[in-house]
Amino acid sequence: MQNRSVPANIVLPHLVYRNVPEACDWLTRVFGFTERFRYGDPVSGIQMHLGDAYIMISGPREKTASPATLGQCTQTLTIFVPDVDAHYARTMQEGANIWEELHETIYGERQYGAEDLDGHRWLFSQHMRDVHPEEWGAAVASRFL
């Protein structure tokens, strides 16, 4: 079954921001996300996407807070983009805090890390090479590779 309100079929991260509309504007301007819908009056949640990656952003509720409020990172999200170099240039031009410079990893990804206005950490990545995990030293636990 498909649900038009929740198009992500694998993972739909929910991120807490101090100011949901401001976060939506920032994620759109700096990272290139697109707003899909919003709800609440005042706005309490917004669904956004960048390509096939969907996220929900919402304000703080009981036992939730943004990294800016907590004073620490709570997770890192990786988003795959078709042109990571162009995405990096846009993010730099908008003045985002880059915590990991653009580089190619030993496992074949070209990526960089940026922090958003509330301290959520993001990795933006592009597949560059197909590398088997054993080639860079991983212990493979699954036979599906």
C-alpha atoms as a PDB file:
ATOM      1  CA  MET A   1       0.000   0.000   0.000  1.00  0.00           C
ATOM      2  CA  GLN A   2       1.207   3.509  -0.790  1.00  0.00           C
ATOM      3  CA  ASN A   3       0.322   6.536   1.345  1.00  0.00           C
ATOM      4  CA  ARG A   4       0.497   9.927  -0.379  1.00  0.00           C
ATOM      5  CA  SER A   5       0.985  11.627   3.008  1.00  0.00           C
ATOM      6  CA  VAL A   6       4.067   9.530   3.811  1.00  0.00           C
ATOM      7  CA  PRO A   7       5.922   8.741   0.554  1.00  0.00           C
ATOM      8  CA  ALA A   8       9.094   7.442   2.226  1.00  0.00           C
ATOM      9  CA  ASN A   9       8.947   3.648   2.500  1.00  0.00           C
ATOM     10  CA  ILE A  10      12.136   2.939   4.424  1.00  0.00           C
ATOM     11  CA  VAL A  11      12.993   5.746   6.855  1.00  0.00           C
ATOM     12  CA  LEU A  12      11.327   9.073   7.578  1.00  0.00           C
ATOM     13  CA  PRO A  13      13.505  11.048  10.024  1.00  0.00           C
ATOM     14  CA  HIS A  14      11.807  13.534  12.343  1.00  0.00           C
ATOM     15  CA  LEU A  15      13.989  16.504  13.304  1.00  0.00           C
ATOM     16  CA  VAL A  16      13.252  18.998  16.066  1.00  0.00           C
ATOM     17  CA  TYR A  17      13.816  22.717  15.467  1.00  0.00           C
ATOM     18  CA  ARG A  18      13.243  25.700  17.738  1.00  0.00           C
ATOM     19  CA  ASN A  19      11.415  27.572  14.949  1.00  0.00           C
ATOM     20  CA  VAL A  20       9.823  25.328  12.304  1.00  0.00           C
ATOM     21  CA  PRO A  21       9.039  27.952   9.588  1.00  0.00           C
ATOM     22  CA  GLU A  22      12.531  29.472   9.957  1.00  0.00           C
ATOM     23  CA  ALA A  23      14.101  26.004   9.678  1.00  0.00           C
ATOM     24  CA  CYS A  24      12.046  25.294   6.545  1.00  0.00           C
ATOM     25  CA  ASP A  25      13.240  28.515   4.925  1.00  0.00           C
ATOM     26  CA  TRP A  26      16.873  27.776   5.868  1.00  0.00           C
ATOM     27  CA  LEU A  27      16.784  24.148   4.651  1.00  0.00           C
ATOM     28  CA  THR A  28      15.249  25.341   1.369  1.00  0.00           C
ATOM     29  CA  ARG A  29      17.704  28.194   0.789  1.00  0.00           C
ATOM     30  CA  VAL A  30      20.912  26.510   1.940  1.00  0.00           C
ATOM     31  CA  PHE A  31      20.491  22.770   1.298  1.00  0.00           C
ATOM     32  CA  GLY A  32      17.895  22.878  -1.517  1.00  0.00           C
ATOM     33  CA  PHE A  33      15.047  21.047   0.223  1.00  0.00           C
ATOM     34  CA  THR A  34      11.493  21.546  -1.060  1.00  0.00           C
ATOM     35  CA  GLU A  35       8.486  21.898   1.221  1.00  0.00           C
ATOM     36  CA  ARG A  36       5.809  19.289   0.535  1.00  0.00           C
ATOM     37  CA  PHE A  37       3.199  20.264   3.147  1.00  0.00           C
ATOM     38  CA  ARG A  38       2.807  21.932   6.519  1.00  0.00           C
ATOM     39  CA  TYR A  39       0.263  21.618   9.295  1.00  0.00           C
ATOM     40  CA  GLY A  40      -0.850  23.304  12.495  1.00  0.00           C
ATOM     41  CA  ASP A  41      -1.734  26.870  13.359  1.00  0.00           C
ATOM     42  CA  PRO A  42       0.788  28.061  14.287  1.00  0.00           C
ATOM     43  CA  VAL A  43       2.862  25.728  12.106  1.00  0.00           C
ATOM     44  CA  SER A  44       3.924  22.699  14.137  1.00  0.00           C
ATOM     45  CA  GLY A  45       5.268  20.427  11.397  1.00  0.00           C
ATOM     46  CA  ILE A  46       6.505  20.463   7.821  1.00  0.00           C
ATOM     47  CA  GLN A  47       7.328  17.601   5.488  1.00  0.00           C
ATOM     48  CA  MET A  48      10.242  18.357   3.128  1.00  0.00           C
ATOM     49  CA  HIS A  49      12.270  16.489   0.543  1.00  0.00           C
ATOM     50  CA  LEU A  50      15.516  16.687  -1.368  1.00  0.00           C
ATOM     51  CA  GLY A  51      15.238  14.331  -4.318  1.00  0.00           C
ATOM     52  CA  ASP A  52      13.931  11.044  -2.901  1.00  0.00           C
ATOM     53  CA  ALA A  53      14.975  11.849   0.685  1.00  0.00           C
ATOM     54  CA  TYR A  54      12.069  12.941   2.888  1.00  0.00           C
ATOM     55  CA  ILE A  55      12.183  14.481   6.370  1.00  0.00           C
ATOM     56  CA  MET A  56       9.661  15.785   8.880  1.00  0.00           C
ATOM     57  CA  ILE A  57      10.561  18.869  10.873  1.00  0.00           C
ATOM     58  CA  SER A  58       8.689  19.876  13.995  1.00  0.00           C
ATOM     59  CA  GLY A  59       8.970  22.023  17.061  1.00  0.00           C
ATOM     60  CA  PRO A  60      10.001  20.748  20.483  1.00  0.00           C
ATOM     61  CA  ARG A  61       7.561  18.586  22.432  1.00  0.00           C
ATOM     62  CA  GLU A  62       7.803  16.731  25.704  1.00  0.00           C
ATOM     63  CA  LYS A  63      11.244  15.079  25.988  1.00  0.00           C
ATOM     64  CA  THR A  64      12.422  16.420  22.602  1.00  0.00           C
ATOM     65  CA  ALA A  65      14.749  19.298  21.793  1.00  0.00           C
ATOM     66  CA  SER A  66      16.957  20.533  18.980  1.00  0.00           C
ATOM     67  CA  PRO A  67      20.745  20.103  19.191  1.00  0.00           C
ATOM     68  CA  ALA A  68      20.971  23.893  19.676  1.00  0.00           C
ATOM     69  CA  THR A  69      18.944  23.566  22.883  1.00  0.00           C
ATOM     70  CA  LEU A  70      20.728  20.401  24.030  1.00  0.00           C
ATOM     71  CA  GLY A  71      24.193  21.730  23.237  1.00  0.00           C
ATOM     72  CA  GLN A  72      25.186  18.543  21.420  1.00  0.00           C
ATOM     73  CA  CYS A  73      24.623  16.664  18.176  1.00  0.00           C
ATOM     74  CA  THR A  74      22.017  13.928  18.411  1.00  0.00           C
ATOM     75  CA  GLN A  75      22.491  12.225  15.004  1.00  0.00           C
ATOM     76  CA  THR A  76      23.927  12.681  11.534  1.00  0.00           C
ATOM     77  CA  LEU A  77      21.840  12.253   8.395  1.00  0.00           C
ATOM     78  CA  THR A  78      23.307  11.326   5.010  1.00  0.00           C
ATOM     79  CA  ILE A  79      21.539  12.592   1.889  1.00  0.00           C
ATOM     80  CA  PHE A  80      22.639  11.424  -1.551  1.00  0.00           C
ATOM     81  CA  VAL A  81      22.679  14.142  -4.200  1.00  0.00           C
ATOM     82  CA  PRO A  82      23.422  13.859  -7.938  1.00  0.00           C
ATOM     83  CA  ASP A  83      26.168  16.536  -7.933  1.00  0.00           C
ATOM     84  CA  VAL A  84      27.838  16.878  -4.545  1.00  0.00           C
ATOM     85  CA  ASP A  85      30.348  19.455  -5.813  1.00  0.00           C
ATOM     86  CA  ALA A  86      27.553  21.825  -6.871  1.00  0.00           C
ATOM     87  CA  HIS A  87      25.695  21.172  -3.618  1.00  0.00           C
ATOM     88  CA  TYR A  88      28.842  21.929  -1.628  1.00  0.00           C
ATOM     89  CA  ALA A  89      29.362  25.194  -3.542  1.00  0.00           C
ATOM     90  CA  ARG A  90      25.776  26.271  -2.821  1.00  0.00           C
ATOM     91  CA  THR A  91      26.091  25.413   0.868  1.00  0.00           C
ATOM     92  CA  MET A  92      29.390  27.292   1.135  1.00  0.00           C
ATOM     93  CA  GLN A  93      27.950  30.312  -0.688  1.00  0.00           C
ATOM     94  CA  GLU A  94      25.067  30.413   1.819  1.00  0.00           C
ATOM     95  CA  GLY A  95      27.535  30.428   4.717  1.00  0.00           C
ATOM     96  CA  ALA A  96      26.659  27.129   6.395  1.00  0.00           C
ATOM     97  CA  ASN A  97      29.050  25.723   8.982  1.00  0.00           C
ATOM     98  CA  ILE A  98      31.106  23.017   7.222  1.00  0.00           C
ATOM     99  CA  TRP A  99      32.324  20.437   9.746  1.00  0.00           C
ATOM    100  CA  GLU A 100      33.793  18.003   7.190  1.00  0.00           C
ATOM    101  CA  GLU A 101      35.391  19.296   4.003  1.00  0.00           C
ATOM    102  CA  LEU A 102      34.508  17.822   0.608  1.00  0.00           C
ATOM    103  CA  HIS A 103      36.578  14.680  -0.027  1.00  0.00           C
ATOM    104  CA  GLU A 104      36.417  11.134  -1.390  1.00  0.00           C
ATOM    105  CA  THR A 105      36.116   8.402   1.221  1.00  0.00           C
ATOM    106  CA  ILE A 106      37.902   5.045   1.226  1.00  0.00           C
ATOM    107  CA  TYR A 107      34.535   3.405   0.563  1.00  0.00           C
ATOM    108  CA  GLY A 108      33.941   5.295  -2.697  1.00  0.00           C
ATOM    109  CA  GLU A 109      31.759   8.269  -1.719  1.00  0.00           C
ATOM    110  CA  ARG A 110      32.469  11.924  -2.423  1.00  0.00           C
ATOM    111  CA  GLN A 111      30.980  13.800   0.511  1.00  0.00           C
ATOM    112  CA  TYR A 112      31.062  16.729   2.888  1.00  0.00           C
ATOM    113  CA  GLY A 113      29.462  17.530   6.235  1.00  0.00           C
ATOM    114  CA  ALA A 114      27.499  20.657   7.146  1.00  0.00           C
ATOM    115  CA  GLU A 115      25.613  21.789  10.213  1.00  0.00           C
ATOM    116  CA  ASP A 116      22.234  23.490   9.945  1.00  0.00           C
ATOM    117  CA  LEU A 117      20.885  26.476  11.891  1.00  0.00           C
ATOM    118  CA  ASP A 118      19.868  24.315  14.877  1.00  0.00           C
ATOM    119  CA  GLY A 119      22.991  22.161  14.993  1.00  0.00           C
ATOM    120  CA  HIS A 120      21.760  19.064  13.140  1.00  0.00           C
ATOM    121  CA  ARG A 121      24.655  17.464  11.288  1.00  0.00           C
ATOM    122  CA  TRP A 122      24.257  16.441   7.658  1.00  0.00           C
ATOM    123  CA  LEU A 123      26.474  14.530   5.242  1.00  0.00           C
ATOM    124  CA  PHE A 124      25.830  15.132   1.551  1.00  0.00           C
ATOM    125  CA  SER A 125      27.237  12.379  -0.610  1.00  0.00           C
ATOM    126  CA  GLN A 126      27.580  11.132  -4.172  1.00  0.00           C
ATOM    127  CA  HIS A 127      28.526   7.592  -5.236  1.00  0.00           C
ATOM    128  CA  MET A 128      31.867   7.712  -7.089  1.00  0.00           C
ATOM    129  CA  ARG A 129      33.159   4.119  -7.090  1.00  0.00           C
ATOM    130  CA  ASP A 130      31.749   0.688  -6.284  1.00  0.00           C
ATOM    131  CA  VAL A 131      33.984  -0.616  -3.498  1.00  0.00           C
ATOM    132  CA  HIS A 132      33.409  -3.914  -1.695  1.00  0.00           C
ATOM    133  CA  PRO A 133      33.517  -3.378   2.105  1.00  0.00           C
ATOM    134  CA  GLU A 134      36.373  -5.877   2.522  1.00  0.00           C
ATOM    135  CA  GLU A 135      38.553  -3.722   0.219  1.00  0.00           C
ATOM    136  CA  TRP A 136      38.703  -0.958   2.843  1.00  0.00           C
ATOM    137  CA  GLY A 137      38.862  -3.200   5.897  1.00  0.00           C
ATOM    138  CA  ALA A 138      35.258  -3.825   6.933  1.00  0.00           C
ATOM    139  CA  ALA A 139      34.249  -7.215   8.322  1.00  0.00           C
ATOM    140  CA  VAL A 140      31.319  -8.331   6.193  1.00  0.00           C
ATOM    141  CA  ALA A 141      28.502  -9.852   8.254  1.00  0.00           C
ATOM    142  CA  SER A 142      25.921 -10.266   5.484  1.00  0.00           C
ATOM    143  CA  ARG A 143      25.980 -12.647   2.535  1.00  0.00           C
ATOM    144  CA  PHE A 144      23.960 -10.222   0.423  1.00  0.00           C
ATOM    145  CA  LEU A 145      26.991  -8.201  -0.698  1.00  0.00           C
END
